[in-house]
């Protein structure tokens, strides 16, 4: 199901987590 919904990928320098969430957590 996901294949048909894919519209792109994040840039390598862009974090995938939100800035208010701690990466270590």
PDBML (XML) file of the C-alpha atoms, coordinates in Angstrom:
<?xml version="1.0" encoding="UTF-8" ?>
<PDBx:datablock datablockName="MODEL"
   xmlns:PDBx="http://pdbml.pdb.org/schema/pdbx-v50.xsd"
   xmlns:xsi="http://www.w3.org/2001/XMLSchema-instance"
   xsi:schemaLocation="http://pdbml.pdb.org/schema/pdbx-v50.xsd pdbx-v50.xsd">
   <PDBx:atom_siteCategory>
      <PDBx:atom_site id="1">
         <PDBx:B_iso_or_equiv>0.00</PDBx:B_iso_or_equiv>
         <PDBx:Cartn_x>0.000</PDBx:Cartn_x>
         <PDBx:Cartn_y>0.000</PDBx:Cartn_y>
         <PDBx:Cartn_z>0.000</PDBx:Cartn_z>
         <PDBx:auth_asym_id>A</PDBx:auth_asym_id>
         <PDBx:auth_atom_id>CA</PDBx:auth_atom_id>
         <PDBx:auth_comp_id>UNK</PDBx:auth_comp_id>
         <PDBx:auth_seq_id>1</PDBx:auth_seq_id>
         <PDBx:group_PDB>ATOM</PDBx:group_PDB>
         <PDBx:label_alt_id xsi:nil="true" />
         <PDBx:label_asym_id>A</PDBx:label_asym_id>
         <PDBx:label_atom_id>CA</PDBx:label_atom_id>
         <PDBx:label_comp_id>UNK</PDBx:label_comp_id>
         <PDBx:label_entity_id>1</PDBx:label_entity_id>
         <PDBx:label_seq_id>1</PDBx:label_seq_id>
         <PDBx:occupancy>1.00</PDBx:occupancy>
         <PDBx:pdbx_PDB_model_num>1</PDBx:pdbx_PDB_model_num>
         <PDBx:type_symbol>C</PDBx:type_symbol>
      </PDBx:atom_site>
      <PDBx:atom_site id="2">
         <PDBx:B_iso_or_equiv>0.00</PDBx:B_iso_or_equiv>
         <PDBx:Cartn_x>2.843</PDBx:Cartn_x>
         <PDBx:Cartn_y>2.381</PDBx:Cartn_y>
         <PDBx:Cartn_z>0.764</PDBx:Cartn_z>
         <PDBx:auth_asym_id>A</PDBx:auth_asym_id>
         <PDBx:auth_atom_id>CA</PDBx:auth_atom_id>
         <PDBx:auth_comp_id>UNK</PDBx:auth_comp_id>
         <PDBx:auth_seq_id>2</PDBx:auth_seq_id>
         <PDBx:group_PDB>ATOM</PDBx:group_PDB>
         <PDBx:label_alt_id xsi:nil="true" />
         <PDBx:label_asym_id>A</PDBx:label_asym_id>
         <PDBx:label_atom_id>CA</PDBx:label_atom_id>
         <PDBx:label_comp_id>UNK</PDBx:label_comp_id>
         <PDBx:label_entity_id>1</PDBx:label_entity_id>
         <PDBx:label_seq_id>2</PDBx:label_seq_id>
         <PDBx:occupancy>1.00</PDBx:occupancy>
         <PDBx:pdbx_PDB_model_num>1</PDBx:pdbx_PDB_model_num>
         <PDBx:type_symbol>C</PDBx:type_symbol>
      </PDBx:atom_site>
      <PDBx:atom_site id="3">
         <PDBx:B_iso_or_equiv>0.00</PDBx:B_iso_or_equiv>
         <PDBx:Cartn_x>4.390</PDBx:Cartn_x>
         <PDBx:Cartn_y>2.206</PDBx:Cartn_y>
         <PDBx:Cartn_z>-2.722</PDBx:Cartn_z>
         <PDBx:auth_asym_id>A</PDBx:auth_asym_id>
         <PDBx:auth_atom_id>CA</PDBx:auth_atom_id>
         <PDBx:auth_comp_id>UNK</PDBx:auth_comp_id>
         <PDBx:auth_seq_id>3</PDBx:auth_seq_id>
         <PDBx:group_PDB>ATOM</PDBx:group_PDB>
         <PDBx:label_alt_id xsi:nil="true" />
         <PDBx:label_asym_id>A</PDBx:label_asym_id>
         <PDBx:label_atom_id>CA</PDBx:label_atom_id>
         <PDBx:label_comp_id>UNK</PDBx:label_comp_id>
         <PDBx:label_entity_id>1</PDBx:label_entity_id>
         <PDBx:label_seq_id>3</PDBx:label_seq_id>
         <PDBx:occupancy>1.00</PDBx:occupancy>
         <PDBx:pdbx_PDB_model_num>1</PDBx:pdbx_PDB_model_num>
         <PDBx:type_symbol>C</PDBx:type_symbol>
      </PDBx:atom_site>
      <PDBx:atom_site id="4">
         <PDBx:B_iso_or_equiv>0.00</PDBx:B_iso_or_equiv>
         <PDBx:Cartn_x>1.485</PDBx:Cartn_x>
         <PDBx:Cartn_y>4.044</PDBx:Cartn_y>
         <PDBx:Cartn_z>-4.299</PDBx:Cartn_z>
         <PDBx:auth_asym_id>A</PDBx:auth_asym_id>
         <PDBx:auth_atom_id>CA</PDBx:auth_atom_id>
         <PDBx:auth_comp_id>UNK</PDBx:auth_comp_id>
         <PDBx:auth_seq_id>4</PDBx:auth_seq_id>
         <PDBx:group_PDB>ATOM</PDBx:group_PDB>
         <PDBx:label_alt_id xsi:nil="true" />
         <PDBx:label_asym_id>A</PDBx:label_asym_id>
         <PDBx:label_atom_id>CA</PDBx:label_atom_id>
         <PDBx:label_comp_id>UNK</PDBx:label_comp_id>
         <PDBx:label_entity_id>1</PDBx:label_entity_id>
         <PDBx:label_seq_id>4</PDBx:label_seq_id>
         <PDBx:occupancy>1.00</PDBx:occupancy>
         <PDBx:pdbx_PDB_model_num>1</PDBx:pdbx_PDB_model_num>
         <PDBx:type_symbol>C</PDBx:type_symbol>
      </PDBx:atom_site>
      <PDBx:atom_site id="5">
         <PDBx:B_iso_or_equiv>0.00</PDBx:B_iso_or_equiv>
         <PDBx:Cartn_x>1.516</PDBx:Cartn_x>
         <PDBx:Cartn_y>6.715</PDBx:Cartn_y>
         <PDBx:Cartn_z>-1.581</PDBx:Cartn_z>
         <PDBx:auth_asym_id>A</PDBx:auth_asym_id>
         <PDBx:auth_atom_id>CA</PDBx:auth_atom_id>
         <PDBx:auth_comp_id>UNK</PDBx:auth_comp_id>
         <PDBx:auth_seq_id>5</PDBx:auth_seq_id>
         <PDBx:group_PDB>ATOM</PDBx:group_PDB>
         <PDBx:label_alt_id xsi:nil="true" />
         <PDBx:label_asym_id>A</PDBx:label_asym_id>
         <PDBx:label_atom_id>CA</PDBx:label_atom_id>
         <PDBx:label_comp_id>UNK</PDBx:label_comp_id>
         <PDBx:label_entity_id>1</PDBx:label_entity_id>
         <PDBx:label_seq_id>5</PDBx:label_seq_id>
         <PDBx:occupancy>1.00</PDBx:occupancy>
         <PDBx:pdbx_PDB_model_num>1</PDBx:pdbx_PDB_model_num>
         <PDBx:type_symbol>C</PDBx:type_symbol>
      </PDBx:atom_site>
      <PDBx:atom_site id="6">
         <PDBx:B_iso_or_equiv>0.00</PDBx:B_iso_or_equiv>
         <PDBx:Cartn_x>5.232</PDBx:Cartn_x>
         <PDBx:Cartn_y>7.595</PDBx:Cartn_y>
         <PDBx:Cartn_z>-1.801</PDBx:Cartn_z>
         <PDBx:auth_asym_id>A</PDBx:auth_asym_id>
         <PDBx:auth_atom_id>CA</PDBx:auth_atom_id>
         <PDBx:auth_comp_id>UNK</PDBx:auth_comp_id>
         <PDBx:auth_seq_id>6</PDBx:auth_seq_id>
         <PDBx:group_PDB>ATOM</PDBx:group_PDB>
         <PDBx:label_alt_id xsi:nil="true" />
         <PDBx:label_asym_id>A</PDBx:label_asym_id>
         <PDBx:label_atom_id>CA</PDBx:label_atom_id>
         <PDBx:label_comp_id>UNK</PDBx:label_comp_id>
         <PDBx:label_entity_id>1</PDBx:label_entity_id>
         <PDBx:label_seq_id>6</PDBx:label_seq_id>
         <PDBx:occupancy>1.00</PDBx:occupancy>
         <PDBx:pdbx_PDB_model_num>1</PDBx:pdbx_PDB_model_num>
         <PDBx:type_symbol>C</PDBx:type_symbol>
      </PDBx:atom_site>
      <PDBx:atom_site id="7">
         <PDBx:B_iso_or_equiv>0.00</PDBx:B_iso_or_equiv>
         <PDBx:Cartn_x>5.790</PDBx:Cartn_x>
         <PDBx:Cartn_y>11.201</PDBx:Cartn_y>
         <PDBx:Cartn_z>-2.911</PDBx:Cartn_z>
         <PDBx:auth_asym_id>A</PDBx:auth_asym_id>
         <PDBx:auth_atom_id>CA</PDBx:auth_atom_id>
         <PDBx:auth_comp_id>UNK</PDBx:auth_comp_id>
         <PDBx:auth_seq_id>7</PDBx:auth_seq_id>
         <PDBx:group_PDB>ATOM</PDBx:group_PDB>
         <PDBx:label_alt_id xsi:nil="true" />
         <PDBx:label_asym_id>A</PDBx:label_asym_id>
         <PDBx:label_atom_id>CA</PDBx:label_atom_id>
         <PDBx:label_comp_id>UNK</PDBx:label_comp_id>
         <PDBx:label_entity_id>1</PDBx:label_entity_id>
         <PDBx:label_seq_id>7</PDBx:label_seq_id>
         <PDBx:occupancy>1.00</PDBx:occupancy>
         <PDBx:pdbx_PDB_model_num>1</PDBx:pdbx_PDB_model_num>
         <PDBx:type_symbol>C</PDBx:type_symbol>
      </PDBx:atom_site>
      <PDBx:atom_site id="8">
         <PDBx:B_iso_or_equiv>0.00</PDBx:B_iso_or_equiv>
         <PDBx:Cartn_x>9.435</PDBx:Cartn_x>
         <PDBx:Cartn_y>11.772</PDBx:Cartn_y>
         <PDBx:Cartn_z>-1.991</PDBx:Cartn_z>
         <PDBx:auth_asym_id>A</PDBx:auth_asym_id>
         <PDBx:auth_atom_id>CA</PDBx:auth_atom_id>
         <PDBx:auth_comp_id>UNK</PDBx:auth_comp_id>
         <PDBx:auth_seq_id>8</PDBx:auth_seq_id>
         <PDBx:group_PDB>ATOM</PDBx:group_PDB>
         <PDBx:label_alt_id xsi:nil="true" />
         <PDBx:label_asym_id>A</PDBx:label_asym_id>
         <PDBx:label_atom_id>CA</PDBx:label_atom_id>
         <PDBx:label_comp_id>UNK</PDBx:label_comp_id>
         <PDBx:label_entity_id>1</PDBx:label_entity_id>
         <PDBx:label_seq_id>8</PDBx:label_seq_id>
         <PDBx:occupancy>1.00</PDBx:occupancy>
         <PDBx:pdbx_PDB_model_num>1</PDBx:pdbx_PDB_model_num>
         <PDBx:type_symbol>C</PDBx:type_symbol>
      </PDBx:atom_site>
      <PDBx:atom_site id="9">
         <PDBx:B_iso_or_equiv>0.00</PDBx:B_iso_or_equiv>
         <PDBx:Cartn_x>12.264</PDBx:Cartn_x>
         <PDBx:Cartn_y>11.406</PDBx:Cartn_y>
         <PDBx:Cartn_z>0.433</PDBx:Cartn_z>
         <PDBx:auth_asym_id>A</PDBx:auth_asym_id>
         <PDBx:auth_atom_id>CA</PDBx:auth_atom_id>
         <PDBx:auth_comp_id>UNK</PDBx:auth_comp_id>
         <PDBx:auth_seq_id>9</PDBx:auth_seq_id>
         <PDBx:group_PDB>ATOM</PDBx:group_PDB>
         <PDBx:label_alt_id xsi:nil="true" />
         <PDBx:label_asym_id>A</PDBx:label_asym_id>
         <PDBx:label_atom_id>CA</PDBx:label_atom_id>
         <PDBx:label_comp_id>UNK</PDBx:label_comp_id>
         <PDBx:label_entity_id>1</PDBx:label_entity_id>
         <PDBx:label_seq_id>9</PDBx:label_seq_id>
         <PDBx:occupancy>1.00</PDBx:occupancy>
         <PDBx:pdbx_PDB_model_num>1</PDBx:pdbx_PDB_model_num>
         <PDBx:type_symbol>C</PDBx:type_symbol>
      </PDBx:atom_site>
      <PDBx:atom_site id="10">
         <PDBx:B_iso_or_equiv>0.00</PDBx:B_iso_or_equiv>
         <PDBx:Cartn_x>13.747</PDBx:Cartn_x>
         <PDBx:Cartn_y>13.751</PDBx:Cartn_y>
         <PDBx:Cartn_z>3.013</PDBx:Cartn_z>
         <PDBx:auth_asym_id>A</PDBx:auth_asym_id>
         <PDBx:auth_atom_id>CA</PDBx:auth_atom_id>
         <PDBx:auth_comp_id>UNK</PDBx:auth_comp_id>
         <PDBx:auth_seq_id>10</PDBx:auth_seq_id>
         <PDBx:group_PDB>ATOM</PDBx:group_PDB>
         <PDBx:label_alt_id xsi:nil="true" />
         <PDBx:label_asym_id>A</PDBx:label_asym_id>
         <PDBx:label_atom_id>CA</PDBx:label_atom_id>
         <PDBx:label_comp_id>UNK</PDBx:label_comp_id>
         <PDBx:label_entity_id>1</PDBx:label_entity_id>
         <PDBx:label_seq_id>10</PDBx:label_seq_id>
         <PDBx:occupancy>1.00</PDBx:occupancy>
         <PDBx:pdbx_PDB_model_num>1</PDBx:pdbx_PDB_model_num>
         <PDBx:type_symbol>C</PDBx:type_symbol>
      </PDBx:atom_site>
      <PDBx:atom_site id="11">
         <PDBx:B_iso_or_equiv>0.00</PDBx:B_iso_or_equiv>
         <PDBx:Cartn_x>16.937</PDBx:Cartn_x>
         <PDBx:Cartn_y>15.572</PDBx:Cartn_y>
         <PDBx:Cartn_z>2.086</PDBx:Cartn_z>
         <PDBx:auth_asym_id>A</PDBx:auth_asym_id>
         <PDBx:auth_atom_id>CA</PDBx:auth_atom_id>
         <PDBx:auth_comp_id>UNK</PDBx:auth_comp_id>
         <PDBx:auth_seq_id>11</PDBx:auth_seq_id>
         <PDBx:group_PDB>ATOM</PDBx:group_PDB>
         <PDBx:label_alt_id xsi:nil="true" />
         <PDBx:label_asym_id>A</PDBx:label_asym_id>
         <PDBx:label_atom_id>CA</PDBx:label_atom_id>
         <PDBx:label_comp_id>UNK</PDBx:label_comp_id>
         <PDBx:label_entity_id>1</PDBx:label_entity_id>
         <PDBx:label_seq_id>11</PDBx:label_seq_id>
         <PDBx:occupancy>1.00</PDBx:occupancy>
         <PDBx:pdbx_PDB_model_num>1</PDBx:pdbx_PDB_model_num>
         <PDBx:type_symbol>C</PDBx:type_symbol>
      </PDBx:atom_site>
      <PDBx:atom_site id="12">
         <PDBx:B_iso_or_equiv>0.00</PDBx:B_iso_or_equiv>
         <PDBx:Cartn_x>20.068</PDBx:Cartn_x>
         <PDBx:Cartn_y>14.041</PDBx:Cartn_y>
         <PDBx:Cartn_z>3.643</PDBx:Cartn_z>
         <PDBx:auth_asym_id>A</PDBx:auth_asym_id>
         <PDBx:auth_atom_id>CA</PDBx:auth_atom_id>
         <PDBx:auth_comp_id>UNK</PDBx:auth_comp_id>
         <PDBx:auth_seq_id>12</PDBx:auth_seq_id>
         <PDBx:group_PDB>ATOM</PDBx:group_PDB>
         <PDBx:label_alt_id xsi:nil="true" />
         <PDBx:label_asym_id>A</PDBx:label_asym_id>
         <PDBx:label_atom_id>CA</PDBx:label_atom_id>
         <PDBx:label_comp_id>UNK</PDBx:label_comp_id>
         <PDBx:label_entity_id>1</PDBx:label_entity_id>
         <PDBx:label_seq_id>12</PDBx:label_seq_id>
         <PDBx:occupancy>1.00</PDBx:occupancy>
         <PDBx:pdbx_PDB_model_num>1</PDBx:pdbx_PDB_model_num>
         <PDBx:type_symbol>C</PDBx:type_symbol>
      </PDBx:atom_site>
      <PDBx:atom_site id="13">
         <PDBx:B_iso_or_equiv>0.00</PDBx:B_iso_or_equiv>
         <PDBx:Cartn_x>20.671</PDBx:Cartn_x>
         <PDBx:Cartn_y>17.125</PDBx:Cartn_y>
         <PDBx:Cartn_z>5.792</PDBx:Cartn_z>
         <PDBx:auth_asym_id>A</PDBx:auth_asym_id>
         <PDBx:auth_atom_id>CA</PDBx:auth_atom_id>
         <PDBx:auth_comp_id>UNK</PDBx:auth_comp_id>
         <PDBx:auth_seq_id>13</PDBx:auth_seq_id>
         <PDBx:group_PDB>ATOM</PDBx:group_PDB>
         <PDBx:label_alt_id xsi:nil="true" />
         <PDBx:label_asym_id>A</PDBx:label_asym_id>
         <PDBx:label_atom_id>CA</PDBx:label_atom_id>
         <PDBx:label_comp_id>UNK</PDBx:label_comp_id>
         <PDBx:label_entity_id>1</PDBx:label_entity_id>
         <PDBx:label_seq_id>13</PDBx:label_seq_id>
         <PDBx:occupancy>1.00</PDBx:occupancy>
         <PDBx:pdbx_PDB_model_num>1</PDBx:pdbx_PDB_model_num>
         <PDBx:type_symbol>C</PDBx:type_symbol>
      </PDBx:atom_site>
      <PDBx:atom_site id="14">
         <PDBx:B_iso_or_equiv>0.00</PDBx:B_iso_or_equiv>
         <PDBx:Cartn_x>17.079</PDBx:Cartn_x>
         <PDBx:Cartn_y>17.338</PDBx:Cartn_y>
         <PDBx:Cartn_z>6.997</PDBx:Cartn_z>
         <PDBx:auth_asym_id>A</PDBx:auth_asym_id>
         <PDBx:auth_atom_id>CA</PDBx:auth_atom_id>
         <PDBx:auth_comp_id>UNK</PDBx:auth_comp_id>
         <PDBx:auth_seq_id>14</PDBx:auth_seq_id>
         <PDBx:group_PDB>ATOM</PDBx:group_PDB>
         <PDBx:label_alt_id xsi:nil="true" />
         <PDBx:label_asym_id>A</PDBx:label_asym_id>
         <PDBx:label_atom_id>CA</PDBx:label_atom_id>
         <PDBx:label_comp_id>UNK</PDBx:label_comp_id>
         <PDBx:label_entity_id>1</PDBx:label_entity_id>
         <PDBx:label_seq_id>14</PDBx:label_seq_id>
         <PDBx:occupancy>1.00</PDBx:occupancy>
         <PDBx:pdbx_PDB_model_num>1</PDBx:pdbx_PDB_model_num>
         <PDBx:type_symbol>C</PDBx:type_symbol>
      </PDBx:atom_site>
      <PDBx:atom_site id="15">
         <PDBx:B_iso_or_equiv>0.00</PDBx:B_iso_or_equiv>
         <PDBx:Cartn_x>16.336</PDBx:Cartn_x>
         <PDBx:Cartn_y>15.630</PDBx:Cartn_y>
         <PDBx:Cartn_z>10.333</PDBx:Cartn_z>
         <PDBx:auth_asym_id>A</PDBx:auth_asym_id>
         <PDBx:auth_atom_id>CA</PDBx:auth_atom_id>
         <PDBx:auth_comp_id>UNK</PDBx:auth_comp_id>
         <PDBx:auth_seq_id>15</PDBx:auth_seq_id>
         <PDBx:group_PDB>ATOM</PDBx:group_PDB>
         <PDBx:label_alt_id xsi:nil="true" />
         <PDBx:label_asym_id>A</PDBx:label_asym_id>
         <PDBx:label_atom_id>CA</PDBx:label_atom_id>
         <PDBx:label_comp_id>UNK</PDBx:label_comp_id>
         <PDBx:label_entity_id>1</PDBx:label_entity_id>
         <PDBx:label_seq_id>15</PDBx:label_seq_id>
         <PDBx:occupancy>1.00</PDBx:occupancy>
         <PDBx:pdbx_PDB_model_num>1</PDBx:pdbx_PDB_model_num>
         <PDBx:type_symbol>C</PDBx:type_symbol>
      </PDBx:atom_site>
      <PDBx:atom_site id="16">
         <PDBx:B_iso_or_equiv>0.00</PDBx:B_iso_or_equiv>
         <PDBx:Cartn_x>13.447</PDBx:Cartn_x>
         <PDBx:Cartn_y>13.177</PDBx:Cartn_y>
         <PDBx:Cartn_z>10.319</PDBx:Cartn_z>
         <PDBx:auth_asym_id>A</PDBx:auth_asym_id>
         <PDBx:auth_atom_id>CA</PDBx:auth_atom_id>
         <PDBx:auth_comp_id>UNK</PDBx:auth_comp_id>
         <PDBx:auth_seq_id>16</PDBx:auth_seq_id>
         <PDBx:group_PDB>ATOM</PDBx:group_PDB>
         <PDBx:label_alt_id xsi:nil="true" />
         <PDBx:label_asym_id>A</PDBx:label_asym_id>
         <PDBx:label_atom_id>CA</PDBx:label_atom_id>
         <PDBx:label_comp_id>UNK</PDBx:label_comp_id>
         <PDBx:label_entity_id>1</PDBx:label_entity_id>
         <PDBx:label_seq_id>16</PDBx:label_seq_id>
         <PDBx:occupancy>1.00</PDBx:occupancy>
         <PDBx:pdbx_PDB_model_num>1</PDBx:pdbx_PDB_model_num>
         <PDBx:type_symbol>C</PDBx:type_symbol>
      </PDBx:atom_site>
      <PDBx:atom_site id="17">
         <PDBx:B_iso_or_equiv>0.00</PDBx:B_iso_or_equiv>
         <PDBx:Cartn_x>12.514</PDBx:Cartn_x>
         <PDBx:Cartn_y>13.848</PDBx:Cartn_y>
         <PDBx:Cartn_z>13.918</PDBx:Cartn_z>
         <PDBx:auth_asym_id>A</PDBx:auth_asym_id>
         <PDBx:auth_atom_id>CA</PDBx:auth_atom_id>
         <PDBx:auth_comp_id>UNK</PDBx:auth_comp_id>
         <PDBx:auth_seq_id>17</PDBx:auth_seq_id>
         <PDBx:group_PDB>ATOM</PDBx:group_PDB>
         <PDBx:label_alt_id xsi:nil="true" />
         <PDBx:label_asym_id>A</PDBx:label_asym_id>
         <PDBx:label_atom_id>CA</PDBx:label_atom_id>
         <PDBx:label_comp_id>UNK</PDBx:label_comp_id>
         <PDBx:label_entity_id>1</PDBx:label_entity_id>
         <PDBx:label_seq_id>17</PDBx:label_seq_id>
         <PDBx:occupancy>1.00</PDBx:occupancy>
         <PDBx:pdbx_PDB_model_num>1</PDBx:pdbx_PDB_model_num>
         <PDBx:type_symbol>C</PDBx:type_symbol>
      </PDBx:atom_site>
      <PDBx:atom_site id="18">
         <PDBx:B_iso_or_equiv>0.00</PDBx:B_iso_or_equiv>
         <PDBx:Cartn_x>10.829</PDBx:Cartn_x>
         <PDBx:Cartn_y>16.947</PDBx:Cartn_y>
         <PDBx:Cartn_z>15.260</PDBx:Cartn_z>
         <PDBx:auth_asym_id>A</PDBx:auth_asym_id>
         <PDBx:auth_atom_id>CA</PDBx:auth_atom_id>
         <PDBx:auth_comp_id>UNK</PDBx:auth_comp_id>
         <PDBx:auth_seq_id>18</PDBx:auth_seq_id>
         <PDBx:group_PDB>ATOM</PDBx:group_PDB>
         <PDBx:label_alt_id xsi:nil="true" />
         <PDBx:label_asym_id>A</PDBx:label_asym_id>
         <PDBx:label_atom_id>CA</PDBx:label_atom_id>
         <PDBx:label_comp_id>UNK</PDBx:label_comp_id>
         <PDBx:label_entity_id>1</PDBx:label_entity_id>
         <PDBx:label_seq_id>18</PDBx:label_seq_id>
         <PDBx:occupancy>1.00</PDBx:occupancy>
         <PDBx:pdbx_PDB_model_num>1</PDBx:pdbx_PDB_model_num>
         <PDBx:type_symbol>C</PDBx:type_symbol>
      </PDBx:atom_site>
      <PDBx:atom_site id="19">
         <PDBx:B_iso_or_equiv>0.00</PDBx:B_iso_or_equiv>
         <PDBx:Cartn_x>13.023</PDBx:Cartn_x>
         <PDBx:Cartn_y>19.615</PDBx:Cartn_y>
         <PDBx:Cartn_z>16.772</PDBx:Cartn_z>
         <PDBx:auth_asym_id>A</PDBx:auth_asym_id>
         <PDBx:auth_atom_id>CA</PDBx:auth_atom_id>
         <PDBx:auth_comp_id>UNK</PDBx:auth_comp_id>
         <PDBx:auth_seq_id>19</PDBx:auth_seq_id>
         <PDBx:group_PDB>ATOM</PDBx:group_PDB>
         <PDBx:label_alt_id xsi:nil="true" />
         <PDBx:label_asym_id>A</PDBx:label_asym_id>
         <PDBx:label_atom_id>CA</PDBx:label_atom_id>
         <PDBx:label_comp_id>UNK</PDBx:label_comp_id>
         <PDBx:label_entity_id>1</PDBx:label_entity_id>
         <PDBx:label_seq_id>19</PDBx:label_seq_id>
         <PDBx:occupancy>1.00</PDBx:occupancy>
         <PDBx:pdbx_PDB_model_num>1</PDBx:pdbx_PDB_model_num>
         <PDBx:type_symbol>C</PDBx:type_symbol>
      </PDBx:atom_site>
      <PDBx:atom_site id="20">
         <PDBx:B_iso_or_equiv>0.00</PDBx:B_iso_or_equiv>
         <PDBx:Cartn_x>11.101</PDBx:Cartn_x>
         <PDBx:Cartn_y>19.511</PDBx:Cartn_y>
         <PDBx:Cartn_z>20.067</PDBx:Cartn_z>
         <PDBx:auth_asym_id>A</PDBx:auth_asym_id>
         <PDBx:auth_atom_id>CA</PDBx:auth_atom_id>
         <PDBx:auth_comp_id>UNK</PDBx:auth_comp_id>
         <PDBx:auth_seq_id>20</PDBx:auth_seq_id>
         <PDBx:group_PDB>ATOM</PDBx:group_PDB>
         <PDBx:label_alt_id xsi:nil="true" />
         <PDBx:label_asym_id>A</PDBx:label_asym_id>
         <PDBx:label_atom_id>CA</PDBx:label_atom_id>
         <PDBx:label_comp_id>UNK</PDBx:label_comp_id>
         <PDBx:label_entity_id>1</PDBx:label_entity_id>
         <PDBx:label_seq_id>20</PDBx:label_seq_id>
         <PDBx:occupancy>1.00</PDBx:occupancy>
         <PDBx:pdbx_PDB_model_num>1</PDBx:pdbx_PDB_model_num>
         <PDBx:type_symbol>C</PDBx:type_symbol>
      </PDBx:atom_site>
      <PDBx:atom_site id="21">
         <PDBx:B_iso_or_equiv>0.00</PDBx:B_iso_or_equiv>
         <PDBx:Cartn_x>11.874</PDBx:Cartn_x>
         <PDBx:Cartn_y>15.788</PDBx:Cartn_y>
         <PDBx:Cartn_z>20.483</PDBx:Cartn_z>
         <PDBx:auth_asym_id>A</PDBx:auth_asym_id>
         <PDBx:auth_atom_id>CA</PDBx:auth_atom_id>
         <PDBx:auth_comp_id>UNK</PDBx:auth_comp_id>
         <PDBx:auth_seq_id>21</PDBx:auth_seq_id>
         <PDBx:group_PDB>ATOM</PDBx:group_PDB>
         <PDBx:label_alt_id xsi:nil="true" />
         <PDBx:label_asym_id>A</PDBx:label_asym_id>
         <PDBx:label_atom_id>CA</PDBx:label_atom_id>
         <PDBx:label_comp_id>UNK</PDBx:label_comp_id>
         <PDBx:label_entity_id>1</PDBx:label_entity_id>
         <PDBx:label_seq_id>21</PDBx:label_seq_id>
         <PDBx:occupancy>1.00</PDBx:occupancy>
         <PDBx:pdbx_PDB_model_num>1</PDBx:pdbx_PDB_model_num>
         <PDBx:type_symbol>C</PDBx:type_symbol>
      </PDBx:atom_site>
      <PDBx:atom_site id="22">
         <PDBx:B_iso_or_equiv>0.00</PDBx:B_iso_or_equiv>
         <PDBx:Cartn_x>15.266</PDBx:Cartn_x>
         <PDBx:Cartn_y>14.778</PDBx:Cartn_y>
         <PDBx:Cartn_z>21.785</PDBx:Cartn_z>
         <PDBx:auth_asym_id>A</PDBx:auth_asym_id>
         <PDBx:auth_atom_id>CA</PDBx:auth_atom_id>
         <PDBx:auth_comp_id>UNK</PDBx:auth_comp_id>
         <PDBx:auth_seq_id>22</PDBx:auth_seq_id>
         <PDBx:group_PDB>ATOM</PDBx:group_PDB>
         <PDBx:label_alt_id xsi:nil="true" />
         <PDBx:label_asym_id>A</PDBx:label_asym_id>
         <PDBx:label_atom_id>CA</PDBx:label_atom_id>
         <PDBx:label_comp_id>UNK</PDBx:label_comp_id>
         <PDBx:label_entity_id>1</PDBx:label_entity_id>
         <PDBx:label_seq_id>22</PDBx:label_seq_id>
         <PDBx:occupancy>1.00</PDBx:occupancy>
         <PDBx:pdbx_PDB_model_num>1</PDBx:pdbx_PDB_model_num>
         <PDBx:type_symbol>C</PDBx:type_symbol>
      </PDBx:atom_site>
      <PDBx:atom_site id="23">
         <PDBx:B_iso_or_equiv>0.00</PDBx:B_iso_or_equiv>
         <PDBx:Cartn_x>17.229</PDBx:Cartn_x>
         <PDBx:Cartn_y>12.665</PDBx:Cartn_y>
         <PDBx:Cartn_z>19.351</PDBx:Cartn_z>
         <PDBx:auth_asym_id>A</PDBx:auth_asym_id>
         <PDBx:auth_atom_id>CA</PDBx:auth_atom_id>
         <PDBx:auth_comp_id>UNK</PDBx:auth_comp_id>
         <PDBx:auth_seq_id>23</PDBx:auth_seq_id>
         <PDBx:group_PDB>ATOM</PDBx:group_PDB>
         <PDBx:label_alt_id xsi:nil="true" />
         <PDBx:label_asym_id>A</PDBx:label_asym_id>
         <PDBx:label_atom_id>CA</PDBx:label_atom_id>
         <PDBx:label_comp_id>UNK</PDBx:label_comp_id>
         <PDBx:label_entity_id>1</PDBx:label_entity_id>
         <PDBx:label_seq_id>23</PDBx:label_seq_id>
         <PDBx:occupancy>1.00</PDBx:occupancy>
         <PDBx:pdbx_PDB_model_num>1</PDBx:pdbx_PDB_model_num>
         <PDBx:type_symbol>C</PDBx:type_symbol>
      </PDBx:atom_site>
      <PDBx:atom_site id="24">
         <PDBx:B_iso_or_equiv>0.00</PDBx:B_iso_or_equiv>
         <PDBx:Cartn_x>18.858</PDBx:Cartn_x>
         <PDBx:Cartn_y>10.664</PDBx:Cartn_y>
         <PDBx:Cartn_z>22.180</PDBx:Cartn_z>
         <PDBx:auth_asym_id>A</PDBx:auth_asym_id>
         <PDBx:auth_atom_id>CA</PDBx:auth_atom_id>
         <PDBx:auth_comp_id>UNK</PDBx:auth_comp_id>
         <PDBx:auth_seq_id>24</PDBx:auth_seq_id>
         <PDBx:group_PDB>ATOM</PDBx:group_PDB>
         <PDBx:label_alt_id xsi:nil="true" />
         <PDBx:label_asym_id>A</PDBx:label_asym_id>
         <PDBx:label_atom_id>CA</PDBx:label_atom_id>
         <PDBx:label_comp_id>UNK</PDBx:label_comp_id>
         <PDBx:label_entity_id>1</PDBx:label_entity_id>
         <PDBx:label_seq_id>24</PDBx:label_seq_id>
         <PDBx:occupancy>1.00</PDBx:occupancy>
         <PDBx:pdbx_PDB_model_num>1</PDBx:pdbx_PDB_model_num>
         <PDBx:type_symbol>C</PDBx:type_symbol>
      </PDBx:atom_site>
      <PDBx:atom_site id="25">
         <PDBx:B_iso_or_equiv>0.00</PDBx:B_iso_or_equiv>
         <PDBx:Cartn_x>15.429</PDBx:Cartn_x>
         <PDBx:Cartn_y>9.779</PDBx:Cartn_y>
         <PDBx:Cartn_z>23.577</PDBx:Cartn_z>
         <PDBx:auth_asym_id>A</PDBx:auth_asym_id>
         <PDBx:auth_atom_id>CA</PDBx:auth_atom_id>
         <PDBx:auth_comp_id>UNK</PDBx:auth_comp_id>
         <PDBx:auth_seq_id>25</PDBx:auth_seq_id>
         <PDBx:group_PDB>ATOM</PDBx:group_PDB>
         <PDBx:label_alt_id xsi:nil="true" />
         <PDBx:label_asym_id>A</PDBx:label_asym_id>
         <PDBx:label_atom_id>CA</PDBx:label_atom_id>
         <PDBx:label_comp_id>UNK</PDBx:label_comp_id>
         <PDBx:label_entity_id>1</PDBx:label_entity_id>
         <PDBx:label_seq_id>25</PDBx:label_seq_id>
         <PDBx:occupancy>1.00</PDBx:occupancy>
         <PDBx:pdbx_PDB_model_num>1</PDBx:pdbx_PDB_model_num>
         <PDBx:type_symbol>C</PDBx:type_symbol>
      </PDBx:atom_site>
   </PDBx:atom_siteCategory>
</PDBx:datablock>
